């Protein structure tokens, strides 16, 4: 093979590796925005730490303790334990899915109704019983729903209002939550991997090596990012520090992504070494 041809093949392979690396990182990041992961994130948030000494925390606790059927004294730790139960976190994940669906079809006026919340609290009868130490009646459910509406203002939680409060362009969340983007990036990864193999069809072990190195680097960066910000959250400041407390589970997911990608990359490199040993 001439030096020019070897150089051209090297440039193509390097470009494919960069595309594969970038698309792998984007794909993993997009997975974090899927509703399936929200319950995991909720179960890892230190709600007490995030809300402690805030007016909203005092107001929520005061409202719940003022309920006529409440037979116990609820504090923030009780509320955190309630929210992080599997049933409650899954219901919150379902709510997130509904908002994401509404965003996807441009239903900017969508919001939870009192009937929606009434259905949700009725589904959570065992968890609510444990929180208030009380067997709920239909009237109790209605009172609780009205209280939650007073706290959260369901009608005010429209898709358009949430986006406006976040001060972001509507196109950004619509794109990020679009399943088409996730599928598109996944297909890009698959196509790039196939092209990488075809370009190196005369040397399959080399394709294994390039794919393994690229994937392993992606995994290592994810792993290091998750470990560093999970272990040393003080490296962040201001808004980012608050965000890191809210998304501790995301860091754990990033670590798991890093482990998986590193393992896949290592497996591909092992396959390269096996092929080389057999050829020798």
Protein backbone atom coordinates (compact mmCIF):
# COMPACT_ATOMS: atom_id res chain seq x y z
CA UNK A 1 0.00 0.00 0.00
CA UNK A 2 1.36 3.42 -1.01
CA UNK A 3 2.04 6.01 1.69
CA UNK A 4 -0.68 8.26 0.25
CA UNK A 5 -3.29 5.49 0.39
CA UNK A 6 -2.23 4.57 3.91
CA UNK A 7 -2.51 8.22 4.98
CA UNK A 8 -5.98 8.56 3.40
CA UNK A 9 -7.19 5.39 5.13
CA UNK A 10 -5.81 6.70 8.40
CA UNK A 11 -7.67 10.02 8.02
CA UNK A 12 -10.94 8.23 7.21
CA UNK A 13 -10.53 5.87 10.16
CA UNK A 14 -9.71 8.74 12.51
CA UNK A 15 -12.74 10.72 11.31
CA UNK A 16 -15.02 7.73 11.83
CA UNK A 17 -13.60 7.22 15.31
CA UNK A 18 -14.29 10.86 16.20
CA UNK A 19 -17.87 10.59 14.90
CA UNK A 20 -18.34 7.31 16.79
CA UNK A 21 -16.94 8.82 19.97
CA UNK A 22 -19.12 11.96 19.77
CA UNK A 23 -22.30 10.07 18.88
CA UNK A 24 -21.74 7.57 21.70
CA UNK A 25 -21.43 10.41 24.22
CA UNK A 26 -24.55 12.17 22.85
CA UNK A 27 -26.55 8.93 22.88
CA UNK A 28 -25.67 8.25 26.52
CA UNK A 29 -26.55 11.84 27.49
CA UNK A 30 -29.92 11.62 25.71
CA UNK A 31 -30.73 8.47 27.64
CA UNK A 32 -30.60 10.54 30.83
CA UNK A 33 -33.60 12.53 29.58
CA UNK A 34 -35.81 9.48 29.10
CA UNK A 35 -38.72 9.21 31.52
CA UNK A 36 -37.66 5.67 32.40
CA UNK A 37 -34.71 7.07 34.34
CA UNK A 38 -36.62 9.74 36.28
CA UNK A 39 -37.74 7.35 39.08
CA UNK A 40 -34.10 6.35 39.60
CA UNK A 41 -33.09 10.01 39.78
CA UNK A 42 -35.89 10.84 42.23
CA UNK A 43 -34.89 7.98 44.54
CA UNK A 44 -31.37 9.38 44.78
CA UNK A 45 -32.16 13.07 45.34
CA UNK A 46 -31.56 14.41 48.84
CA UNK A 47 -34.83 16.35 48.93
CA UNK A 48 -34.34 17.39 52.54
CA UNK A 49 -30.98 18.99 51.74
CA UNK A 50 -32.26 20.73 48.62
CA UNK A 51 -35.35 22.21 50.28
CA UNK A 52 -34.18 22.68 53.85
CA UNK A 53 -34.62 26.17 55.27
CA UNK A 54 -36.68 27.29 52.24
CA UNK A 55 -40.12 28.87 52.42
CA UNK A 56 -41.63 26.28 50.09
CA UNK A 57 -40.48 23.45 52.38
CA UNK A 58 -42.09 25.11 55.39
CA UNK A 59 -45.27 25.79 53.42
CA UNK A 60 -45.57 22.20 52.14
CA UNK A 61 -45.06 20.67 55.57
CA UNK A 62 -47.43 23.16 57.17
CA UNK A 63 -50.16 22.46 54.59
CA UNK A 64 -49.85 18.70 54.96
CA UNK A 65 -49.94 18.87 58.75
CA UNK A 66 -53.04 21.06 58.55
CA UNK A 67 -55.04 18.39 56.73
CA UNK A 68 -58.08 17.45 58.86
CA UNK A 69 -57.50 13.72 58.51
CA UNK A 70 -53.75 13.77 59.26
CA UNK A 71 -53.15 11.66 62.37
CA UNK A 72 -49.42 12.22 62.57
CA UNK A 73 -46.78 14.96 62.30
CA UNK A 74 -45.16 15.04 58.85
CA UNK A 75 -41.67 16.49 58.40
CA UNK A 76 -39.34 16.76 55.39
CA UNK A 77 -37.71 13.39 56.05
CA UNK A 78 -41.15 11.73 56.01
CA UNK A 79 -41.97 13.53 52.78
CA UNK A 80 -38.67 12.46 51.22
CA UNK A 81 -39.26 8.83 52.19
CA UNK A 82 -42.75 9.04 50.67
CA UNK A 83 -41.61 10.57 47.38
CA UNK A 84 -38.78 8.07 47.00
CA UNK A 85 -40.96 4.98 47.33
CA UNK A 86 -41.12 2.96 44.14
CA UNK A 87 -44.82 3.64 43.54
CA UNK A 88 -44.60 7.43 44.00
CA UNK A 89 -41.41 7.85 41.95
CA UNK A 90 -42.94 5.75 39.16
CA UNK A 91 -46.07 7.93 39.14
CA UNK A 92 -43.87 11.03 38.90
CA UNK A 93 -42.09 9.35 35.99
CA UNK A 94 -45.46 8.87 34.29
CA UNK A 95 -46.26 12.56 34.78
CA UNK A 96 -42.91 13.44 33.21
CA UNK A 97 -43.78 11.17 30.26
CA UNK A 98 -47.07 13.01 29.75
CA UNK A 99 -45.32 16.37 29.70
CA UNK A 100 -42.70 15.06 27.27
CA UNK A 101 -45.47 13.67 25.03
CA UNK A 102 -47.31 17.01 25.10
CA UNK A 103 -44.10 18.82 24.22
CA UNK A 104 -43.53 16.42 21.32
CA UNK A 105 -46.95 17.17 19.79
CA UNK A 106 -46.65 20.92 20.51
CA UNK A 107 -49.45 20.87 23.11
CA UNK A 108 -48.10 23.83 25.05
CA UNK A 109 -51.30 24.26 27.04
CA UNK A 110 -51.06 20.80 28.59
CA UNK A 111 -51.06 20.61 32.38
CA UNK A 112 -52.20 18.23 35.09
CA UNK A 113 -55.86 18.58 36.02
CA UNK A 114 -57.35 17.98 39.44
CA UNK A 115 -58.89 14.78 38.05
CA UNK A 116 -55.44 13.60 36.94
CA UNK A 117 -53.99 14.23 40.40
CA UNK A 118 -57.02 12.66 42.10
CA UNK A 119 -56.43 9.50 40.08
CA UNK A 120 -52.73 9.52 41.00
CA UNK A 121 -53.30 9.92 44.75
CA UNK A 122 -55.93 7.16 44.66
CA UNK A 123 -53.36 4.88 43.04
CA UNK A 124 -51.01 5.63 45.93
CA UNK A 125 -53.39 4.60 48.72
CA UNK A 126 -50.88 2.34 50.60
CA UNK A 127 -48.12 4.96 50.50
CA UNK A 128 -50.46 7.78 51.57
CA UNK A 129 -51.79 5.62 54.39
CA UNK A 130 -48.24 5.13 55.66
CA UNK A 131 -47.50 8.87 55.38
CA UNK A 132 -50.56 10.08 57.27
CA UNK A 133 -51.28 6.96 59.31
CA UNK A 134 -54.85 7.17 58.06
CA UNK A 135 -57.14 5.07 55.86
CA UNK A 136 -58.29 7.50 53.18
CA UNK A 137 -61.91 8.10 52.18
CA UNK A 138 -63.16 9.66 48.95
CA UNK A 139 -63.61 12.96 50.77
CA UNK A 140 -60.05 12.76 52.10
CA UNK A 141 -58.72 12.24 48.58
CA UNK A 142 -60.57 15.31 47.37
CA UNK A 143 -59.22 17.41 50.25
CA UNK A 144 -55.67 16.20 49.59
CA UNK A 145 -56.01 16.95 45.86
CA UNK A 146 -57.23 20.49 46.55
CA UNK A 147 -54.35 21.00 48.98
CA UNK A 148 -51.82 19.82 46.39
CA UNK A 149 -53.42 22.15 43.85
CA UNK A 150 -52.99 25.01 46.31
CA UNK A 151 -49.33 24.12 46.79
CA UNK A 152 -48.40 23.43 43.15
CA UNK A 153 -51.06 25.31 41.12
CA UNK A 154 -51.75 22.64 38.49
CA UNK A 155 -53.20 25.07 35.94
CA UNK A 156 -50.09 27.21 36.23
CA UNK A 157 -47.87 24.23 35.42
CA UNK A 158 -48.52 24.37 31.67
CA UNK A 159 -45.80 23.21 29.29
CA UNK A 160 -45.46 26.76 27.97
CA UNK A 161 -45.18 28.17 31.49
CA UNK A 162 -42.48 25.73 32.55
CA UNK A 163 -40.43 26.50 29.43
CA UNK A 164 -40.92 30.25 29.96
CA UNK A 165 -39.80 30.01 33.60
CA UNK A 166 -36.74 28.04 32.51
CA UNK A 167 -35.92 30.84 30.02
CA UNK A 168 -35.05 28.46 27.18
CA UNK A 169 -36.09 28.27 23.55
CA UNK A 170 -38.96 25.85 22.91
CA UNK A 171 -36.93 24.14 20.17
CA UNK A 172 -34.27 22.93 22.62
CA UNK A 173 -36.42 20.74 24.93
CA UNK A 174 -38.54 19.58 21.98
CA UNK A 175 -35.39 18.36 20.24
CA UNK A 176 -33.82 16.83 23.33
CA UNK A 177 -36.94 14.90 24.31
CA UNK A 178 -37.71 13.76 20.78
CA UNK A 179 -37.46 9.96 20.41
CA UNK A 180 -36.47 10.58 16.77
CA UNK A 181 -33.23 12.22 17.91
CA UNK A 182 -32.38 9.26 20.14
CA UNK A 183 -33.12 6.81 17.33
CA UNK A 184 -31.18 8.97 14.88
CA UNK A 185 -28.06 9.04 17.04
CA UNK A 186 -28.37 5.30 17.67
CA UNK A 187 -28.57 4.62 13.93
CA UNK A 188 -25.59 6.93 13.38
CA UNK A 189 -23.56 4.86 15.85
CA UNK A 190 -24.55 1.64 14.07
CA UNK A 191 -23.82 3.02 10.59
CA UNK A 192 -20.49 4.52 11.68
CA UNK A 193 -19.46 1.21 13.23
CA UNK A 194 -20.38 -0.68 10.03
CA UNK A 195 -18.47 1.81 7.85
CA UNK A 196 -15.48 1.49 10.17
CA UNK A 197 -15.53 -2.26 9.65
CA UNK A 198 -15.93 -1.91 5.86
CA UNK A 199 -13.08 0.57 5.61
CA UNK A 200 -10.90 -1.93 7.44
CA UNK A 201 -12.41 -4.99 5.75
CA UNK A 202 -8.94 -6.19 4.78
CA UNK A 203 -7.94 -6.04 8.43
CA UNK A 204 -10.89 -6.87 10.69
CA UNK A 205 -8.62 -6.96 13.78
CA UNK A 206 -7.73 -3.31 13.07
CA UNK A 207 -11.43 -2.45 13.03
CA UNK A 208 -11.83 -4.19 16.39
CA UNK A 209 -8.91 -2.17 17.73
CA UNK A 210 -10.19 1.20 16.49
CA UNK A 211 -13.72 0.53 17.73
CA UNK A 212 -12.40 -0.72 21.08
CA UNK A 213 -10.12 2.26 21.67
CA UNK A 214 -12.85 4.78 20.73
CA UNK A 215 -15.50 3.15 22.90
CA UNK A 216 -13.11 2.66 25.79
CA UNK A 217 -12.09 6.33 25.74
CA UNK A 218 -15.78 7.34 25.75
CA UNK A 219 -16.43 5.03 28.69
CA UNK A 220 -13.38 6.24 30.59
CA UNK A 221 -14.42 9.89 30.21
CA UNK A 222 -17.95 9.09 31.40
CA UNK A 223 -16.57 7.09 34.30
CA UNK A 224 -14.16 9.81 35.40
CA UNK A 225 -16.83 12.53 35.08
CA UNK A 226 -19.28 10.58 37.24
CA UNK A 227 -16.69 9.64 39.86
CA UNK A 228 -15.20 13.14 40.14
CA UNK A 229 -18.49 15.04 40.51
CA UNK A 230 -20.02 12.38 42.76
CA UNK A 231 -17.00 12.37 45.07
CA UNK A 232 -16.17 16.09 44.93
CA UNK A 233 -19.44 18.03 44.39
CA UNK A 234 -17.72 21.10 45.85
CA UNK A 235 -15.86 21.43 42.55
CA UNK A 236 -19.12 22.91 41.30
CA UNK A 237 -20.43 26.21 42.57
CA UNK A 238 -23.63 28.24 42.63
CA UNK A 239 -26.38 26.95 40.35
CA UNK A 240 -24.28 24.01 39.17
CA UNK A 241 -23.79 22.81 42.74
CA UNK A 242 -27.55 22.93 43.36
CA UNK A 243 -28.08 21.05 40.09
CA UNK A 244 -25.55 18.42 41.11
CA UNK A 245 -27.49 17.75 44.32
CA UNK A 246 -30.67 17.35 42.31
CA UNK A 247 -29.05 15.01 39.81
CA UNK A 248 -26.87 12.79 41.95
CA UNK A 249 -28.53 9.77 40.38
CA UNK A 250 -27.55 11.09 36.97
CA UNK A 251 -23.94 10.90 38.03
CA UNK A 252 -24.48 7.32 39.12
CA UNK A 253 -26.02 6.57 35.74
CA UNK A 254 -23.06 8.27 34.03
CA UNK A 255 -20.75 5.99 36.01
CA UNK A 256 -22.74 2.93 34.93
CA UNK A 257 -22.60 4.11 31.30
CA UNK A 258 -18.86 4.54 31.68
CA UNK A 259 -18.46 1.02 33.04
CA UNK A 260 -20.55 -0.49 30.23
CA UNK A 261 -18.76 1.44 27.47
CA UNK A 262 -15.35 0.66 28.94
CA UNK A 263 -16.25 -3.02 29.13
CA UNK A 264 -17.44 -3.03 25.50
CA UNK A 265 -14.27 -1.28 24.40
CA UNK A 266 -12.09 -3.67 26.38
CA UNK A 267 -13.92 -6.66 24.86
CA UNK A 268 -13.30 -5.31 21.36
CA UNK A 269 -9.60 -4.83 22.12
CA UNK A 270 -9.39 -8.37 23.49
CA UNK A 271 -10.99 -9.59 20.24
CA UNK A 272 -8.28 -7.70 18.35
CA UNK A 273 -5.54 -9.35 20.40
CA UNK A 274 -7.09 -12.81 19.92
CA UNK A 275 -7.23 -12.27 16.15
CA UNK A 276 -3.60 -11.15 16.08
CA UNK A 277 -2.48 -14.16 18.10
CA UNK A 278 -4.34 -16.52 15.75
CA UNK A 279 -2.83 -14.84 12.67
CA UNK A 280 0.63 -15.20 14.14
